[in-house]
C-alpha atoms as a PDB file:
ATOM      1  CA  MET A   1       8.667 -23.201   9.475  1.00  0.00           C
ATOM      2  CA  ARG A   2      11.096 -22.491   6.660  1.00  0.00           C
ATOM      3  CA  LEU A   3       8.768 -19.895   5.128  1.00  0.00           C
ATOM      4  CA  LEU A   4       8.562 -18.123   8.478  1.00  0.00           C
ATOM      5  CA  GLU A   5      12.342 -17.867   8.673  1.00  0.00           C
ATOM      6  CA  LYS A   6      12.591 -16.603   5.081  1.00  0.00           C
ATOM      7  CA  LEU A   7      10.009 -13.897   5.739  1.00  0.00           C
ATOM      8  CA  LYS A   8      11.684 -12.883   8.980  1.00  0.00           C
ATOM      9  CA  GLN A   9      14.995 -12.574   7.150  1.00  0.00           C
ATOM     10  CA  LYS A  10      13.452 -10.658   4.236  1.00  0.00           C
ATOM     11  CA  TRP A  11      11.648  -8.282   6.596  1.00  0.00           C
ATOM     12  CA  GLY A  12      14.711  -7.845   8.804  1.00  0.00           C
ATOM     13  CA  ILE A  13      13.060  -9.017  12.023  1.00  0.00           C
ATOM     14  CA  GLN A  14      14.382 -11.444  14.604  1.00  0.00           C
ATOM     15  CA  SER A  15      11.571 -12.566  16.839  1.00  0.00           C
ATOM     16  CA  ASN A  16       8.490 -14.628  16.140  1.00  0.00           C
ATOM     17  CA  TRP A  17       6.543 -12.137  18.251  1.00  0.00           C
ATOM     18  CA  ASP A  18       7.386  -9.285  15.841  1.00  0.00           C
ATOM     19  CA  PHE A  19       6.293 -11.514  12.970  1.00  0.00           C
ATOM     20  CA  VAL A  20       2.939 -12.168  14.664  1.00  0.00           C
ATOM     21  CA  ILE A  21       2.383  -8.475  15.446  1.00  0.00           C
ATOM     22  CA  ILE A  22       3.235  -7.434  11.866  1.00  0.00           C
ATOM     23  CA  ASN A  23       0.716  -9.923  10.496  1.00  0.00           C
ATOM     24  CA  ILE A  24      -1.904  -8.683  12.963  1.00  0.00           C
ATOM     25  CA  VAL A  25      -1.282  -5.144  11.682  1.00  0.00           C
ATOM     26  CA  PHE A  26      -1.792  -6.303   8.080  1.00  0.00           C
ATOM     27  CA  ALA A  27      -5.027  -8.028   9.109  1.00  0.00           C
ATOM     28  CA  LEU A  28      -6.345  -5.023  11.053  1.00  0.00           C
ATOM     29  CA  ALA A  29      -5.522  -2.606   8.231  1.00  0.00           C
ATOM     30  CA  GLY A  30      -7.206  -4.879   5.701  1.00  0.00           C
ATOM     31  CA  MET A  31     -10.347  -5.365   7.772  1.00  0.00           C
ATOM     32  CA  THR A  32     -10.562  -1.666   8.542  1.00  0.00           C
ATOM     33  CA  ILE A  33     -10.307  -0.560   4.902  1.00  0.00           C
ATOM     34  CA  VAL A  34     -13.255  -2.818   4.034  1.00  0.00           C
ATOM     35  CA  TYR A  35     -15.393  -0.730   6.401  1.00  0.00           C
ATOM     36  CA  GLU A  36     -13.831   2.595   5.382  1.00  0.00           C
ATOM     37  CA  ARG A  37     -14.396   1.950   1.673  1.00  0.00           C
ATOM     38  CA  LYS A  38     -18.182   1.854   2.030  1.00  0.00           C
ATOM     39  CA  PRO A  39     -18.614   5.431   3.327  1.00  0.00           C
ATOM     40  CA  ILE A  40     -15.957   6.717   0.931  1.00  0.00           C
ATOM     41  CA  PHE A  41     -17.762   5.182  -2.044  1.00  0.00           C
ATOM     42  CA  HIS A  42     -21.111   6.422  -0.721  1.00  0.00           C
ATOM     43  CA  LEU A  43     -19.769   9.953  -0.275  1.00  0.00           C
ATOM     44  CA  ILE A  44     -18.518  10.008  -3.870  1.00  0.00           C
ATOM     45  CA  GLY A  45     -21.784   8.521  -5.125  1.00  0.00           C
ATOM     46  CA  ILE A  46     -20.509   5.140  -6.252  1.00  0.00           C
ATOM     47  CA  THR A  47     -23.256   2.507  -6.411  1.00  0.00           C
ATOM     48  CA  ALA A  48     -23.519  -1.062  -7.655  1.00  0.00           C
ATOM     49  CA  GLU A  49     -24.359   0.339 -11.096  1.00  0.00           C
ATOM     50  CA  THR A  50     -21.177   2.445 -11.283  1.00  0.00           C
ATOM     51  CA  PRO A  51     -18.794   1.153 -13.965  1.00  0.00           C
ATOM     52  CA  PHE A  52     -15.972  -1.005 -12.643  1.00  0.00           C
ATOM     53  CA  ILE A  53     -13.255   1.183 -14.170  1.00  0.00           C
ATOM     54  CA  PHE A  54     -14.493   4.196 -12.191  1.00  0.00           C
ATOM     55  CA  LYS A  55     -14.558   2.135  -8.987  1.00  0.00           C
ATOM     56  CA  LEU A  56     -11.019   0.962  -9.700  1.00  0.00           C
ATOM     57  CA  ILE A  57      -9.757   4.502 -10.255  1.00  0.00           C
ATOM     58  CA  VAL A  58     -11.350   5.713  -7.015  1.00  0.00           C
ATOM     59  CA  TRP A  59      -9.947   2.717  -5.178  1.00  0.00           C
ATOM     60  CA  LEU A  60      -6.431   3.411  -6.454  1.00  0.00           C
ATOM     61  CA  LEU A  61      -6.567   7.138  -5.776  1.00  0.00           C
ATOM     62  CA  ILE A  62      -8.387   7.159  -2.428  1.00  0.00           C
ATOM     63  CA  VAL A  63      -8.893   3.760  -0.814  1.00  0.00           C
ATOM     64  CA  PHE A  64      -5.375   2.388  -1.429  1.00  0.00           C
ATOM     65  CA  PRO A  65      -3.678   5.382   0.261  1.00  0.00           C
ATOM     66  CA  CYS A  66      -6.125   5.033   3.181  1.00  0.00           C
ATOM     67  CA  TYR A  67      -4.986   1.420   3.566  1.00  0.00           C
ATOM     68  CA  GLN A  68      -1.376   2.595   3.693  1.00  0.00           C
ATOM     69  CA  ILE A  69      -2.293   5.087   6.413  1.00  0.00           C
ATOM     70  CA  ASN A  70      -4.044   2.298   8.323  1.00  0.00           C
ATOM     71  CA  LEU A  71      -0.835   0.267   8.196  1.00  0.00           C
ATOM     72  CA  ILE A  72       1.132   3.146   9.719  1.00  0.00           C
ATOM     73  CA  VAL A  73      -1.489   3.845  12.405  1.00  0.00           C
ATOM     74  CA  PHE A  74      -1.956   0.220  13.483  1.00  0.00           C
ATOM     75  CA  GLY A  75       1.781  -0.361  13.207  1.00  0.00           C
ATOM     76  CA  ALA A  76       2.422   2.561  15.545  1.00  0.00           C
ATOM     77  CA  LEU A  77      -0.266   1.419  17.989  1.00  0.00           C
ATOM     78  CA  LEU A  78       1.223  -2.075  18.118  1.00  0.00           C
ATOM     79  CA  GLY A  79       4.871  -1.000  18.306  1.00  0.00           C
ATOM     80  CA  GLN A  80       5.865  -1.667  14.706  1.00  0.00           C
ATOM     81  CA  PHE A  81       5.900   1.881  13.349  1.00  0.00           C
ATOM     82  CA  HIS A  82       9.508   1.663  12.140  1.00  0.00           C
ATOM     83  CA  PHE A  83       8.871  -1.532  10.161  1.00  0.00           C
ATOM     84  CA  PHE A  84       5.818  -0.121   8.369  1.00  0.00           C
ATOM     85  CA  TRP A  85       7.355   3.312   7.848  1.00  0.00           C
ATOM     86  CA  GLU A  86      10.337   1.695   6.107  1.00  0.00           C
ATOM     87  CA  LYS A  87       7.980  -0.356   3.909  1.00  0.00           C
ATOM     88  CA  GLU A  88       6.032   2.797   2.991  1.00  0.00           C
ATOM     89  CA  LYS A  89       9.240   4.577   2.032  1.00  0.00           C
ATOM     90  CA  GLN A  90      10.262   1.607  -0.134  1.00  0.00           C
ATOM     91  CA  MET A  91       6.890   1.657  -1.855  1.00  0.00           C
ATOM     92  CA  GLY A  92       7.132   5.413  -2.383  1.00  0.00           C
ATOM     93  CA  ARG A  93      10.547   5.049  -4.011  1.00  0.00           C
ATOM     94  CA  PHE A  94       9.244   2.228  -6.209  1.00  0.00           C
ATOM     95  CA  LEU A  95       6.221   4.249  -7.360  1.00  0.00           C
ATOM     96  CA  PHE A  96       8.388   7.317  -7.945  1.00  0.00           C
ATOM     97  CA  LYS A  97      10.790   5.323 -10.116  1.00  0.00           C
ATOM     98  CA  LEU A  98       7.906   3.684 -11.924  1.00  0.00           C
ATOM     99  CA  PHE A  99       6.317   6.987 -12.900  1.00  0.00           C
ATOM    100  CA  THR A 100       9.524   8.896 -13.584  1.00  0.00           C
ATOM    101  CA  ARG A 101      10.934   6.079 -15.705  1.00  0.00           C
ATOM    102  CA  LYS A 102       7.974   6.324 -18.076  1.00  0.00           C
ATOM    103  CA  LYS A 103       8.369  10.075 -18.354  1.00  0.00           C
ATOM    104  CA  LYS A 104      12.087   9.788 -19.079  1.00  0.00           C
ATOM    105  CA  SER A 105      11.573   7.201 -21.793  1.00  0.00           C
ATOM    106  CA  ALA A 106       8.911   9.406 -23.438  1.00  0.00           C
ATOM    107  CA  SER A 107      11.139  12.485 -23.284  1.00  0.00           C
ATOM    108  CA  SER A 108      14.156  10.558 -24.599  1.00  0.00           C
ATOM    109  CA  GLN A 109      12.095   9.409 -27.579  1.00  0.00           C
ATOM    110  CA  LYS A 110      11.321  13.035 -28.384  1.00  0.00           C
ATOM    111  CA  THR A 111      15.015  13.913 -28.413  1.00  0.00           C
ATOM    112  CA  HIS A 112      15.857  11.006 -30.696  1.00  0.00           C
ATOM    113  CA  THR A 113      13.103  11.891 -33.176  1.00  0.00           C
ATOM    114  CA  SER A 114      13.919  15.632 -33.241  1.00  0.00           C
END
């Protein structure tokens, strides 16, 4: 029960019902992306013989964003749009900082070596 309370506090929710619905959304989005991945991979021509690195790249560029969209859609359908939209914005800020930080460090190295 302690873990439940910690997660509720971390996620900023009060009720156990919201906690249950949020977990249902995660489960639905995860199960749905398993089925969506197959036609996506088929459309691109990925087979069992396709190298893993190519599958990983396609997954990161196409399937992962589809999962995020599933979270928003199922979250909206089950009344948790705000929760999932805030999480998506947090992830977007994190990814933005992650990619811009690398660029800044590379550009700052150029200025120091010039």
